[in-house]
């Protein structure tokens, strides 16, 4: 049986929104990006939470957004 590897972040775009910061996270795998609120006051924890539980966001649109932070690719 193979293990289910969680998706790792590739990049995140942060925006100031009504009531806090919003993040759009692009994963290293998959056809969607994910959008969600920063609730944990720790950027890496927020990114992991958005990637796991955020609402789906069109990948093509997410790739056009300004990048706030890039993450190293898996295995590097």
Protein backbone atom coordinates (compact mmCIF):
# COMPACT_ATOMS: atom_id res chain seq x y z
CA UNK A 1 0.00 0.00 0.00
CA UNK A 2 1.41 3.41 -0.90
CA UNK A 3 1.44 6.32 1.52
CA UNK A 4 -0.61 9.40 0.79
CA UNK A 5 1.93 12.24 0.66
CA UNK A 6 0.52 15.66 1.51
CA UNK A 7 0.92 18.38 -1.10
CA UNK A 8 3.75 20.80 -0.39
CA UNK A 9 3.57 24.52 -1.19
CA UNK A 10 5.28 25.91 -4.27
CA UNK A 11 4.44 29.58 -3.79
CA UNK A 12 2.12 31.87 -1.86
CA UNK A 13 0.63 35.28 -2.61
CA UNK A 14 -0.52 37.35 0.39
CA UNK A 15 -3.12 40.13 0.29
CA UNK A 16 -4.56 42.37 2.97
CA UNK A 17 -8.30 41.73 3.13
CA UNK A 18 -11.21 42.81 5.24
CA UNK A 19 -10.43 41.45 8.70
CA UNK A 20 -6.96 40.08 8.00
CA UNK A 21 -4.59 38.63 5.45
CA UNK A 22 -5.65 36.30 2.66
CA UNK A 23 -3.31 33.82 1.06
CA UNK A 24 -3.43 32.10 -2.31
CA UNK A 25 -1.25 28.98 -2.18
CA UNK A 26 -0.05 27.03 -5.21
CA UNK A 27 0.97 23.47 -4.42
CA UNK A 28 3.70 21.46 -6.09
CA UNK A 29 1.05 18.98 -7.28
CA UNK A 30 -2.52 19.29 -8.48
CA UNK A 31 -4.73 21.29 -10.80
CA UNK A 32 -5.93 23.92 -8.31
CA UNK A 33 -4.52 26.56 -6.01
CA UNK A 34 -6.15 27.27 -2.65
CA UNK A 35 -7.29 30.47 -0.97
CA UNK A 36 -7.84 31.08 2.72
CA UNK A 37 -7.35 33.43 5.66
CA UNK A 38 -4.22 33.66 7.79
CA UNK A 39 -5.52 32.57 11.19
CA UNK A 40 -2.45 31.19 12.96
CA UNK A 41 -0.09 34.22 13.00
CA UNK A 42 2.75 32.06 11.65
CA UNK A 43 3.27 32.23 7.90
CA UNK A 44 4.39 28.62 7.36
CA UNK A 45 1.54 27.27 9.53
CA UNK A 46 -0.94 29.47 7.66
CA UNK A 47 0.35 28.22 4.30
CA UNK A 48 0.07 24.57 5.38
CA UNK A 49 -3.45 25.16 6.72
CA UNK A 50 -4.61 26.92 3.53
CA UNK A 51 -3.12 24.18 1.35
CA UNK A 52 -4.90 21.50 3.40
CA UNK A 53 -8.26 23.20 4.03
CA UNK A 54 -8.56 26.27 1.79
CA UNK A 55 -11.16 26.80 -0.90
CA UNK A 56 -10.17 25.82 -4.44
CA UNK A 57 -8.89 28.69 -6.56
CA UNK A 58 -8.16 28.52 -10.32
CA UNK A 59 -4.52 27.57 -10.84
CA UNK A 60 -4.19 29.68 -13.99
CA UNK A 61 -5.31 32.79 -12.09
CA UNK A 62 -3.05 32.04 -9.10
CA UNK A 63 -0.01 31.83 -11.37
CA UNK A 64 -0.68 35.40 -12.56
CA UNK A 65 -0.63 36.87 -9.02
CA UNK A 66 2.48 38.54 -7.57
CA UNK A 67 4.45 36.01 -5.55
CA UNK A 68 5.10 36.85 -1.91
CA UNK A 69 7.22 33.76 -1.19
CA UNK A 70 8.56 30.78 -3.14
CA UNK A 71 9.25 27.40 -1.56
CA UNK A 72 11.95 24.91 -2.64
CA UNK A 73 10.76 22.02 -4.75
CA UNK A 74 10.43 18.56 -3.17
CA UNK A 75 13.63 16.58 -3.13
CA UNK A 76 15.90 19.64 -3.35
